[in-house]
C-alpha atoms as a PDB file:
ATOM      1  CA  MET A   1     140.770  81.425 277.649  1.00  0.00           C
ATOM      2  CA  ARG A   2     137.558  79.397 278.094  1.00  0.00           C
ATOM      3  CA  PRO A   3     135.652  80.038 275.239  1.00  0.00           C
ATOM      4  CA  PHE A   4     132.306  78.748 276.430  1.00  0.00           C
ATOM      5  CA  ALA A   5     132.598  80.508 279.803  1.00  0.00           C
ATOM      6  CA  ASP A   6     131.278  83.747 278.389  1.00  0.00           C
ATOM      7  CA  TRP A   7     128.266  82.142 276.829  1.00  0.00           C
ATOM      8  CA  THR A   8     124.968  82.316 278.247  1.00  0.00           C
ATOM      9  CA  LEU A   9     122.840  79.319 278.923  1.00  0.00           C
ATOM     10  CA  GLU A  10     120.500  80.369 275.854  1.00  0.00           C
ATOM     11  CA  GLN A  11     123.445  80.556 273.593  1.00  0.00           C
ATOM     12  CA  LEU A  12     124.743  77.351 274.799  1.00  0.00           C
ATOM     13  CA  LEU A  13     121.347  75.680 274.391  1.00  0.00           C
ATOM     14  CA  SER A  14     120.960  77.187 270.780  1.00  0.00           C
ATOM     15  CA  LEU A  15     124.335  75.627 269.922  1.00  0.00           C
ATOM     16  CA  LEU A  16     123.458  72.322 271.196  1.00  0.00           C
ATOM     17  CA  ALA A  17     120.006  72.568 269.304  1.00  0.00           C
ATOM     18  CA  GLY A  18     121.916  73.304 266.131  1.00  0.00           C
ATOM     19  CA  ILE A  19     124.194  70.492 266.775  1.00  0.00           C
ATOM     20  CA  VAL A  20     121.337  68.145 267.304  1.00  0.00           C
ATOM     21  CA  GLY A  21     119.520  69.303 264.108  1.00  0.00           C
ATOM     22  CA  VAL A  22     122.684  68.713 262.108  1.00  0.00           C
ATOM     23  CA  VAL A  23     123.041  65.253 263.446  1.00  0.00           C
ATOM     24  CA  MET A  24     119.375  64.346 262.712  1.00  0.00           C
ATOM     25  CA  MET A  25     119.809  65.738 259.348  1.00  0.00           C
ATOM     26  CA  VAL A  26     122.773  63.420 258.535  1.00  0.00           C
ATOM     27  CA  MET A  27     121.024  60.379 260.208  1.00  0.00           C
ATOM     28  CA  ALA A  28     117.839  61.173 258.071  1.00  0.00           C
ATOM     29  CA  MET A  29     120.135  61.496 254.905  1.00  0.00           C
ATOM     30  CA  HIS A  30     121.716  58.150 255.773  1.00  0.00           C
ATOM     31  CA  ARG A  31     118.334  56.618 256.470  1.00  0.00           C
ATOM     32  CA  ASP A  32     117.081  57.899 252.934  1.00  0.00           C
ATOM     33  CA  GLN A  33     120.259  56.488 251.251  1.00  0.00           C
ATOM     34  CA  GLN A  34     119.604  53.143 252.814  1.00  0.00           C
ATOM     35  CA  SER A  35     116.170  53.202 251.796  1.00  0.00           C
ATOM     36  CA  ASP A  36     116.880  54.139 248.285  1.00  0.00           C
ATOM     37  CA  ARG A  37     119.409  51.187 248.088  1.00  0.00           C
ATOM     38  CA  ASP A  38     116.745  48.795 249.492  1.00  0.00           C
ATOM     39  CA  ARG A  39     114.372  49.893 246.682  1.00  0.00           C
ATOM     40  CA  GLN A  40     116.919  49.323 244.146  1.00  0.00           C
ATOM     41  CA  ASP A  41     117.775  45.966 245.321  1.00  0.00           C
ATOM     42  CA  ALA A  42     114.179  45.178 245.208  1.00  0.00           C
ATOM     43  CA  ARG A  43     113.787  46.474 241.756  1.00  0.00           C
ATOM     44  CA  THR A  44     116.776  44.589 240.735  1.00  0.00           C
ATOM     45  CA  ALA A  45     115.306  41.271 242.248  1.00  0.00           C
ATOM     46  CA  GLU A  46     112.019  41.893 240.513  1.00  0.00           C
ATOM     47  CA  GLN A  47     113.773  42.596 237.192  1.00  0.00           C
ATOM     48  CA  GLN A  48     115.919  39.448 237.441  1.00  0.00           C
ATOM     49  CA  LEU A  49     112.600  37.445 238.211  1.00  0.00           C
ATOM     50  CA  MET A  50     110.875  38.809 235.285  1.00  0.00           C
ATOM     51  CA  SER A  51     113.911  38.083 233.169  1.00  0.00           C
ATOM     52  CA  ASP A  52     113.816  34.691 234.456  1.00  0.00           C
ATOM     53  CA  LYS A  53     110.241  34.126 233.670  1.00  0.00           C
ATOM     54  CA  LEU A  54     110.608  35.519 230.202  1.00  0.00           C
ATOM     55  CA  ASP A  55     113.528  32.941 229.619  1.00  0.00           C
ATOM     56  CA  THR A  56     111.296  30.158 230.796  1.00  0.00           C
ATOM     57  CA  ILE A  57     108.393  31.273 228.407  1.00  0.00           C
ATOM     58  CA  GLN A  58     110.898  31.616 225.505  1.00  0.00           C
ATOM     59  CA  ASP A  59     112.130  28.069 226.062  1.00  0.00           C
ATOM     60  CA  MET A  60     108.596  26.806 226.356  1.00  0.00           C
ATOM     61  CA  SER A  61     107.658  28.556 223.240  1.00  0.00           C
ATOM     62  CA  ARG A  62     110.841  27.066 221.331  1.00  0.00           C
ATOM     63  CA  GLU A  63     109.798  23.580 222.426  1.00  0.00           C
ATOM     64  CA  THR A  64     106.112  24.057 221.368  1.00  0.00           C
ATOM     65  CA  ARG A  65     107.249  25.379 217.797  1.00  0.00           C
ATOM     66  CA  ASP A  66     109.588  22.324 217.453  1.00  0.00           C
ATOM     67  CA  THR A  67     106.644  19.929 218.491  1.00  0.00           C
ATOM     68  CA  VAL A  68     104.400  21.603 216.037  1.00  0.00           C
ATOM     69  CA  ARG A  69     107.009  21.393 213.290  1.00  0.00           C
ATOM     70  CA  GLU A  70     107.557  17.611 214.114  1.00  0.00           C
ATOM     71  CA  MET A  71     103.734  17.011 214.259  1.00  0.00           C
ATOM     72  CA  SER A  72     103.240  18.802 210.898  1.00  0.00           C
ATOM     73  CA  LYS A  73     105.986  16.591 209.321  1.00  0.00           C
ATOM     74  CA  GLN A  74     104.363  13.544 210.589  1.00  0.00           C
ATOM     75  CA  LEU A  75     100.925  14.785 209.521  1.00  0.00           C
ATOM     76  CA  SER A  76     102.357  15.405 205.850  1.00  0.00           C
ATOM     77  CA  GLU A  77     103.902  12.054 206.011  1.00  0.00           C
ATOM     78  CA  HIS A  78     100.505  10.342 207.155  1.00  0.00           C
ATOM     79  CA  SER A  79      98.703  12.244 204.309  1.00  0.00           C
ATOM     80  CA  ARG A  80     101.044  10.936 201.855  1.00  0.00           C
ATOM     81  CA  GLU A  81     100.763   7.378 203.053  1.00  0.00           C
ATOM     82  CA  LEU A  82      96.905   7.738 203.402  1.00  0.00           C
ATOM     83  CA  ALA A  83      96.787   8.986 199.749  1.00  0.00           C
ATOM     84  CA  ARG A  84      99.038   5.861 198.419  1.00  0.00           C
ATOM     85  CA  ILE A  85      96.839   3.467 200.345  1.00  0.00           C
ATOM     86  CA  GLU A  86      93.647   5.162 199.046  1.00  0.00           C
ATOM     87  CA  THR A  87      95.052   4.819 195.386  1.00  0.00           C
ATOM     88  CA  ARG A  88      95.780   1.034 195.883  1.00  0.00           C
ATOM     89  CA  ILE A  89      92.463   0.348 197.570  1.00  0.00           C
ATOM     90  CA  GLU A  90      90.790   2.038 194.412  1.00  0.00           C
ATOM     91  CA  GLU A  91      92.955  -0.165 192.232  1.00  0.00           C
ATOM     92  CA  HIS A  92      92.008  -3.229 194.409  1.00  0.00           C
ATOM     93  CA  ASP A  93      88.243  -2.292 194.028  1.00  0.00           C
ATOM     94  CA  ARG A  94      88.703  -1.834 190.301  1.00  0.00           C
ATOM     95  CA  ARG A  95      90.367  -5.194 190.017  1.00  0.00           C
ATOM     96  CA  LEU A  96      87.826  -7.012 192.296  1.00  0.00           C
ATOM     97  CA  SER A  97      84.948  -5.497 190.358  1.00  0.00           C
ATOM     98  CA  ALA A  98      86.571  -6.839 187.164  1.00  0.00           C
ATOM     99  CA  ILE A  99      87.147 -10.239 188.571  1.00  0.00           C
ATOM    100  CA  GLU A 100      83.347 -10.232 189.765  1.00  0.00           C
ATOM    101  CA  GLY A 101      82.294  -9.138 186.406  1.00  0.00           C
ATOM    102  CA  ARG A 102      84.150 -12.290 184.943  1.00  0.00           C
ATOM    103  CA  CYS A 103      82.672 -14.562 187.416  1.00  0.00           C
ATOM    104  CA  ASP A 104      79.179 -13.299 186.721  1.00  0.00           C
ATOM    105  CA  LEU A 105      79.857 -13.677 182.992  1.00  0.00           C
ATOM    106  CA  HIS A 106      80.927 -17.199 183.328  1.00  0.00           C
ATOM    107  CA  ARG A 107      78.047 -18.219 185.572  1.00  0.00           C
ATOM    108  CA  THR A 108      75.746 -16.607 183.075  1.00  0.00           C
ATOM    109  CA  ALA A 109      77.150 -18.192 180.138  1.00  0.00           C
ATOM    110  CA  GLY A 110      77.721 -21.662 181.747  1.00  0.00           C
ATOM    111  CA  THR A 111      73.832 -21.870 182.595  1.00  0.00           C
ATOM    112  CA  ASP A 112      72.674 -21.086 179.155  1.00  0.00           C
END
């Protein structure tokens, strides 16, 4: 009842080679699966990094947009204030010219 007792050396070596081949194949499959997991983890980490960068860019874009809107409001306010000041200056120039004209008229009239 010794099953391997009747086998020849070549048959035992052949069986051993088959077993080694199967073990090597299993080890290679395990290594490939680990490699696939590592690649997937690297891909996930890269996608997370890209997502974080996009979020940062989006936040900066919002801040820039808000700043531009605020500056636009301030520019509009300054433009309105400048228009009011220019109107007042024109009115003052007109009144000053009228006063100068009256002064000149009185000087001229007084010397005659």
